[in-house]
């Protein structure tokens, strides 16, 4: 079973995603974190196949989380999601792509888009 970590500081977003993931409980185990710091702590003690993180969060944001995961040496795929805003004059998802995100999603998105992105990353991993 593949392991997924969802990271978002908005509990309602995490709960909405968890409801959608219930349909896929036979193929994916899902863990949640409320910020990047918690996510990185979990990533030190667990292996995740895919991390799905929001960009704009207090404390350790999604870009810092992405950077730390990519520098950890783990083969974790990272999907970055954002509802907007700007970082250093660039769109957050553009920054994420430049920092090595494996996929990006603009909020709001249909769950099918996230599901398909996860499946694509996991199938590429198997090749």
N, C-alpha and C. Protein backbone atom coordinates (compact mmCIF):
# COMPACT_ATOMS: atom_id res chain seq x y z
N UNK A 1 0.85 -1.18 0.00
CA UNK A 1 0.00 0.00 0.00
C UNK A 1 0.89 1.24 0.00
N UNK A 2 0.56 2.20 -0.83
CA UNK A 2 1.33 3.44 -0.92
C UNK A 2 0.89 4.40 0.18
N UNK A 3 1.83 5.22 0.63
CA UNK A 3 1.59 6.13 1.74
C UNK A 3 1.63 7.58 1.27
N UNK A 4 0.60 8.33 1.67
CA UNK A 4 0.46 9.73 1.27
C UNK A 4 0.38 10.60 2.51
N UNK A 5 1.07 11.74 2.45
CA UNK A 5 1.01 12.74 3.52
C UNK A 5 0.36 14.00 2.96
N UNK A 6 -0.74 14.43 3.57
CA UNK A 6 -1.42 15.67 3.19
C UNK A 6 -1.04 16.75 4.19
N UNK A 7 -0.63 17.93 3.68
CA UNK A 7 -0.18 19.02 4.55
C UNK A 7 -0.95 20.29 4.20
N UNK A 8 -1.70 20.80 5.15
CA UNK A 8 -2.43 22.06 4.95
C UNK A 8 -2.77 22.62 6.32
N UNK A 9 -2.67 23.93 6.47
CA UNK A 9 -2.97 24.57 7.75
C UNK A 9 -4.46 24.80 7.96
N UNK A 10 -5.26 24.53 6.95
CA UNK A 10 -6.71 24.71 7.07
C UNK A 10 -7.37 23.35 7.33
N UNK A 11 -7.87 23.12 8.55
CA UNK A 11 -8.46 21.83 8.89
C UNK A 11 -9.59 21.42 7.95
N UNK A 12 -10.36 22.39 7.46
CA UNK A 12 -11.48 22.05 6.57
C UNK A 12 -10.98 21.49 5.24
N UNK A 13 -9.83 21.95 4.78
CA UNK A 13 -9.24 21.43 3.54
C UNK A 13 -8.79 19.99 3.77
N UNK A 14 -8.10 19.75 4.88
CA UNK A 14 -7.65 18.39 5.19
C UNK A 14 -8.83 17.44 5.32
N UNK A 15 -9.88 17.87 6.01
CA UNK A 15 -11.05 17.01 6.19
C UNK A 15 -11.74 16.70 4.86
N UNK A 16 -11.85 17.70 4.01
CA UNK A 16 -12.48 17.50 2.69
C UNK A 16 -11.67 16.50 1.86
N UNK A 17 -10.36 16.64 1.88
CA UNK A 17 -9.51 15.71 1.14
C UNK A 17 -9.58 14.30 1.74
N UNK A 18 -9.57 14.20 3.06
CA UNK A 18 -9.67 12.88 3.69
C UNK A 18 -10.95 12.17 3.32
N UNK A 19 -12.06 12.91 3.25
CA UNK A 19 -13.33 12.29 2.83
C UNK A 19 -13.20 11.70 1.44
N UNK A 20 -12.55 12.42 0.55
CA UNK A 20 -12.36 11.93 -0.82
C UNK A 20 -11.44 10.72 -0.87
N UNK A 21 -10.41 10.72 -0.05
CA UNK A 21 -9.44 9.62 -0.05
C UNK A 21 -10.03 8.33 0.50
N UNK A 22 -11.12 8.41 1.26
CA UNK A 22 -11.73 7.19 1.82
C UNK A 22 -12.06 6.19 0.73
N UNK A 23 -12.43 6.67 -0.45
CA UNK A 23 -12.76 5.78 -1.57
C UNK A 23 -11.54 4.99 -2.04
N UNK A 24 -10.36 5.43 -1.66
CA UNK A 24 -9.13 4.80 -2.13
C UNK A 24 -8.34 4.15 -0.98
N UNK A 25 -9.04 3.84 0.11
CA UNK A 25 -8.39 3.29 1.30
C UNK A 25 -7.72 1.95 1.03
N UNK A 26 -8.14 1.24 -0.01
CA UNK A 26 -7.53 -0.04 -0.33
C UNK A 26 -6.19 0.10 -1.06
N UNK A 27 -5.89 1.30 -1.59
CA UNK A 27 -4.63 1.49 -2.30
C UNK A 27 -3.70 2.51 -1.64
N UNK A 28 -4.24 3.41 -0.83
CA UNK A 28 -3.41 4.47 -0.23
C UNK A 28 -3.70 4.63 1.25
N UNK A 29 -2.64 4.73 2.02
CA UNK A 29 -2.72 5.07 3.44
C UNK A 29 -2.45 6.57 3.53
N UNK A 30 -3.32 7.32 4.21
CA UNK A 30 -3.20 8.77 4.25
C UNK A 30 -2.98 9.27 5.67
N UNK A 31 -1.96 10.13 5.81
CA UNK A 31 -1.62 10.79 7.06
C UNK A 31 -1.74 12.29 6.82
N UNK A 32 -2.07 13.06 7.86
CA UNK A 32 -2.18 14.51 7.70
C UNK A 32 -1.22 15.24 8.63
N UNK A 33 -0.87 16.46 8.21
CA UNK A 33 -0.06 17.37 9.02
C UNK A 33 -0.62 18.77 8.82
N UNK A 34 -0.56 19.58 9.87
CA UNK A 34 -1.16 20.91 9.80
C UNK A 34 -0.18 22.00 9.38
N UNK A 35 1.09 21.65 9.23
CA UNK A 35 2.07 22.63 8.74
C UNK A 35 3.33 21.88 8.29
N UNK A 36 4.25 22.62 7.71
CA UNK A 36 5.46 22.02 7.19
C UNK A 36 6.34 21.41 8.25
N UNK A 37 6.42 22.04 9.40
CA UNK A 37 7.26 21.52 10.49
C UNK A 37 6.77 20.15 10.92
N UNK A 38 5.46 20.02 11.10
CA UNK A 38 4.90 18.72 11.48
C UNK A 38 5.14 17.70 10.37
N UNK A 39 4.97 18.12 9.13
CA UNK A 39 5.19 17.22 7.99
C UNK A 39 6.62 16.71 7.95
N UNK A 40 7.58 17.59 8.16
CA UNK A 40 8.98 17.18 8.11
C UNK A 40 9.32 16.25 9.28
N UNK A 41 8.71 16.48 10.42
CA UNK A 41 8.89 15.57 11.55
C UNK A 41 8.36 14.18 11.23
N UNK A 42 7.18 14.12 10.62
CA UNK A 42 6.61 12.84 10.23
C UNK A 42 7.48 12.16 9.17
N UNK A 43 8.02 12.93 8.24
CA UNK A 43 8.85 12.38 7.16
C UNK A 43 10.17 11.81 7.69
N UNK A 44 10.59 12.25 8.86
CA UNK A 44 11.82 11.69 9.45
C UNK A 44 11.58 10.31 10.02
N UNK A 45 10.35 10.04 10.45
CA UNK A 45 10.07 8.75 11.08
C UNK A 45 9.22 7.81 10.23
N UNK A 46 8.70 8.29 9.09
CA UNK A 46 7.88 7.49 8.19
C UNK A 46 8.35 7.72 6.75
N UNK A 47 8.13 6.72 5.94
CA UNK A 47 8.41 6.87 4.51
C UNK A 47 7.10 7.15 3.80
N UNK A 48 7.04 8.26 3.08
CA UNK A 48 5.85 8.60 2.30
C UNK A 48 6.20 8.52 0.83
N UNK A 49 5.31 7.93 0.06
CA UNK A 49 5.51 7.85 -1.38
C UNK A 49 5.22 9.20 -2.03
N UNK A 50 4.18 9.88 -1.52
CA UNK A 50 3.78 11.18 -2.05
C UNK A 50 3.43 12.11 -0.90
N UNK A 51 3.92 13.34 -0.98
CA UNK A 51 3.52 14.40 -0.06
C UNK A 51 2.77 15.44 -0.87
N UNK A 52 1.58 15.79 -0.40
CA UNK A 52 0.77 16.83 -1.02
C UNK A 52 0.73 17.99 -0.04
N UNK A 53 1.32 19.13 -0.42
CA UNK A 53 1.43 20.24 0.53
C UNK A 53 0.89 21.55 -0.05
N UNK A 54 0.26 22.30 0.82
CA UNK A 54 -0.12 23.67 0.49
C UNK A 54 1.15 24.52 0.51
N UNK A 55 1.12 25.67 -0.16
CA UNK A 55 2.28 26.56 -0.16
C UNK A 55 2.22 27.52 1.02
N UNK A 56 1.15 28.29 1.08
CA UNK A 56 1.08 29.37 2.05
C UNK A 56 0.54 28.87 3.39
N UNK A 57 1.48 28.66 4.33
CA UNK A 57 1.15 28.21 5.67
C UNK A 57 2.05 28.97 6.64
N UNK A 58 1.58 29.20 7.86
CA UNK A 58 2.44 29.86 8.85
C UNK A 58 3.58 28.93 9.25
N UNK A 59 4.65 29.51 9.72
CA UNK A 59 5.81 28.71 10.13
C UNK A 59 6.53 28.18 8.91
N UNK A 60 6.74 26.89 8.88
CA UNK A 60 7.41 26.25 7.75
C UNK A 60 6.42 26.10 6.61
N UNK A 61 6.59 26.91 5.56
CA UNK A 61 5.62 26.89 4.47
C UNK A 61 5.89 25.73 3.51
N UNK A 62 5.08 25.62 2.49
CA UNK A 62 5.18 24.53 1.54
C UNK A 62 6.46 24.53 0.72
N UNK A 63 6.99 25.71 0.42
CA UNK A 63 8.24 25.79 -0.35
C UNK A 63 9.40 25.27 0.50
N UNK A 64 9.45 25.68 1.77
CA UNK A 64 10.49 25.18 2.67
C UNK A 64 10.35 23.66 2.86
N UNK A 65 9.12 23.19 2.96
CA UNK A 65 8.86 21.77 3.11
C UNK A 65 9.33 21.01 1.87
N UNK A 66 8.98 21.52 0.70
CA UNK A 66 9.42 20.93 -0.56
C UNK A 66 10.95 20.84 -0.62
N UNK A 67 11.60 21.95 -0.31
CA UNK A 67 13.06 22.01 -0.36
C UNK A 67 13.69 20.98 0.58
N UNK A 68 13.18 20.90 1.80
CA UNK A 68 13.72 19.95 2.78
C UNK A 68 13.50 18.51 2.33
N UNK A 69 12.33 18.22 1.79
CA UNK A 69 12.05 16.86 1.32
C UNK A 69 12.96 16.48 0.17
N UNK A 70 13.16 17.39 -0.76
CA UNK A 70 14.01 17.11 -1.92
C UNK A 70 15.48 16.94 -1.52
N UNK A 71 15.90 17.66 -0.47
CA UNK A 71 17.29 17.55 -0.02
C UNK A 71 17.52 16.40 0.96
N UNK A 72 16.45 15.73 1.36
CA UNK A 72 16.58 14.64 2.33
C UNK A 72 17.15 13.37 1.72
N UNK A 73 17.11 13.28 0.40
CA UNK A 73 17.60 12.08 -0.26
C UNK A 73 16.53 11.02 -0.44
N UNK A 74 15.37 11.21 0.18
CA UNK A 74 14.27 10.26 0.02
C UNK A 74 13.70 10.40 -1.38
N UNK A 75 13.08 9.34 -1.86
CA UNK A 75 12.50 9.36 -3.20
C UNK A 75 11.03 9.75 -3.15
N UNK A 76 10.69 10.63 -2.24
CA UNK A 76 9.31 11.07 -2.08
C UNK A 76 8.93 12.03 -3.20
N UNK A 77 7.78 11.78 -3.81
CA UNK A 77 7.25 12.68 -4.82
C UNK A 77 6.47 13.77 -4.09
N UNK A 78 6.54 15.01 -4.59
CA UNK A 78 5.89 16.13 -3.91
C UNK A 78 4.95 16.85 -4.88
N UNK A 79 3.70 16.97 -4.45
CA UNK A 79 2.70 17.75 -5.17
C UNK A 79 2.43 18.99 -4.35
N UNK A 80 2.55 20.15 -4.97
CA UNK A 80 2.33 21.41 -4.27
C UNK A 80 1.02 22.02 -4.78
N UNK A 81 0.20 22.48 -3.83
CA UNK A 81 -1.08 23.11 -4.17
C UNK A 81 -1.12 24.50 -3.58
N UNK A 82 -1.82 25.41 -4.28
CA UNK A 82 -1.92 26.78 -3.79
C UNK A 82 -3.18 27.43 -4.30
N UNK A 83 -3.70 28.30 -3.47
CA UNK A 83 -4.87 29.09 -3.85
C UNK A 83 -4.52 30.48 -4.33
N UNK A 84 -3.24 30.78 -4.44
CA UNK A 84 -2.84 32.09 -4.95
C UNK A 84 -1.84 32.77 -4.05
N UNK A 85 -1.74 34.07 -4.21
CA UNK A 85 -0.74 34.84 -3.49
C UNK A 85 0.51 34.97 -4.34
N UNK A 86 1.51 35.63 -3.79
CA UNK A 86 2.76 35.80 -4.52
C UNK A 86 3.93 35.60 -3.56
N UNK A 87 4.98 35.02 -4.08
CA UNK A 87 6.23 34.82 -3.34
C UNK A 87 7.34 35.42 -4.17
N UNK A 88 8.11 36.30 -3.60
CA UNK A 88 9.22 36.97 -4.29
C UNK A 88 8.85 37.39 -5.71
N UNK A 89 7.63 37.91 -5.89
CA UNK A 89 7.20 38.41 -7.19
C UNK A 89 6.74 37.35 -8.16
N UNK A 90 6.77 36.09 -7.77
CA UNK A 90 6.34 35.00 -8.64
C UNK A 90 5.11 34.32 -8.07
N UNK A 91 4.39 33.65 -8.93
CA UNK A 91 3.27 32.83 -8.47
C UNK A 91 3.84 31.67 -7.64
N UNK A 92 3.19 31.30 -6.54
CA UNK A 92 3.72 30.23 -5.70
C UNK A 92 3.93 28.91 -6.43
N UNK A 93 3.04 28.57 -7.34
CA UNK A 93 3.22 27.30 -8.04
C UNK A 93 4.40 27.33 -8.99
N UNK A 94 4.71 28.51 -9.54
CA UNK A 94 5.90 28.64 -10.38
C UNK A 94 7.16 28.46 -9.53
N UNK A 95 7.17 29.05 -8.35
CA UNK A 95 8.29 28.88 -7.42
C UNK A 95 8.45 27.39 -7.10
N UNK A 96 7.32 26.72 -6.82
CA UNK A 96 7.36 25.30 -6.48
C UNK A 96 7.95 24.47 -7.63
N UNK A 97 7.55 24.78 -8.85
CA UNK A 97 8.10 24.05 -10.00
C UNK A 97 9.61 24.29 -10.11
N UNK A 98 10.03 25.52 -9.90
CA UNK A 98 11.45 25.84 -9.96
C UNK A 98 12.25 25.13 -8.86
N UNK A 99 11.59 24.87 -7.73
CA UNK A 99 12.25 24.22 -6.59
C UNK A 99 12.18 22.69 -6.67
N UNK A 100 11.56 22.16 -7.72
CA UNK A 100 11.56 20.71 -7.91
C UNK A 100 10.28 19.97 -7.62
N UNK A 101 9.15 20.67 -7.48
CA UNK A 101 7.88 19.98 -7.27
C UNK A 101 7.63 19.01 -8.43
N UNK A 102 7.14 17.83 -8.11
CA UNK A 102 6.86 16.83 -9.14
C UNK A 102 5.55 17.13 -9.87
N UNK A 103 4.65 17.86 -9.20
CA UNK A 103 3.39 18.29 -9.80
C UNK A 103 2.85 19.46 -8.99
N UNK A 104 1.99 20.26 -9.61
CA UNK A 104 1.36 21.39 -8.91
C UNK A 104 -0.12 21.41 -9.24
N UNK A 105 -0.90 21.93 -8.30
CA UNK A 105 -2.34 22.07 -8.49
C UNK A 105 -2.80 23.43 -7.97
N UNK A 106 -3.57 24.12 -8.77
CA UNK A 106 -4.14 25.41 -8.38
C UNK A 106 -5.46 25.15 -7.66
N UNK A 107 -5.60 25.67 -6.43
CA UNK A 107 -6.86 25.56 -5.68
C UNK A 107 -7.85 26.57 -6.24
N UNK A 108 -9.10 26.29 -6.26
CA UNK A 108 -9.70 24.99 -5.95
C UNK A 108 -9.51 24.03 -7.13
N UNK A 109 -9.48 22.75 -6.83
CA UNK A 109 -9.35 21.75 -7.88
C UNK A 109 -10.31 20.61 -7.57
N UNK A 110 -10.63 19.86 -8.60
CA UNK A 110 -11.46 18.67 -8.42
C UNK A 110 -10.56 17.57 -7.85
N UNK A 111 -11.11 16.75 -6.97
CA UNK A 111 -10.33 15.68 -6.38
C UNK A 111 -9.74 14.77 -7.46
N UNK A 112 -10.47 14.59 -8.55
CA UNK A 112 -9.98 13.73 -9.64
C UNK A 112 -8.62 14.21 -10.15
N UNK A 113 -8.38 15.51 -10.16
CA UNK A 113 -7.09 16.04 -10.62
C UNK A 113 -5.97 15.60 -9.67
N UNK A 114 -6.23 15.65 -8.37
CA UNK A 114 -5.24 15.21 -7.39
C UNK A 114 -5.04 13.70 -7.50
N UNK A 115 -6.12 12.96 -7.56
CA UNK A 115 -6.03 11.50 -7.70
C UNK A 115 -5.20 11.12 -8.92
N UNK A 116 -5.47 11.77 -10.05
CA UNK A 116 -4.75 11.47 -11.29
C UNK A 116 -3.27 11.83 -11.18
N UNK A 117 -2.97 12.96 -10.53
CA UNK A 117 -1.56 13.37 -10.35
C UNK A 117 -0.82 12.35 -9.49
N UNK A 118 -1.46 11.90 -8.43
CA UNK A 118 -0.83 10.89 -7.56
C UNK A 118 -0.59 9.60 -8.34
N UNK A 119 -1.60 9.15 -9.04
CA UNK A 119 -1.44 7.91 -9.82
C UNK A 119 -0.34 8.03 -10.87
N UNK A 120 -0.27 9.17 -11.53
CA UNK A 120 0.77 9.39 -12.54
C UNK A 120 2.16 9.33 -11.92
N UNK A 121 2.33 10.00 -10.78
CA UNK A 121 3.64 9.99 -10.12
C UNK A 121 4.02 8.59 -9.63
N UNK A 122 3.06 7.88 -9.10
CA UNK A 122 3.34 6.54 -8.61
C UNK A 122 3.61 5.55 -9.75
N UNK A 123 2.93 5.72 -10.87
CA UNK A 123 3.18 4.82 -12.01
C UNK A 123 4.53 5.13 -12.64
N UNK A 124 4.93 6.39 -12.66
CA UNK A 124 6.26 6.76 -13.19
C UNK A 124 7.35 6.18 -12.30
N UNK A 125 7.07 6.12 -11.00
CA UNK A 125 8.02 5.58 -10.03
C UNK A 125 8.25 4.09 -10.27
N UNK A 126 7.21 3.39 -10.73
CA UNK A 126 7.29 1.94 -10.93
C UNK A 126 8.05 1.58 -12.20
N UNK A 127 8.26 2.54 -13.10
CA UNK A 127 8.93 2.27 -14.38
C UNK A 127 10.42 2.21 -14.22
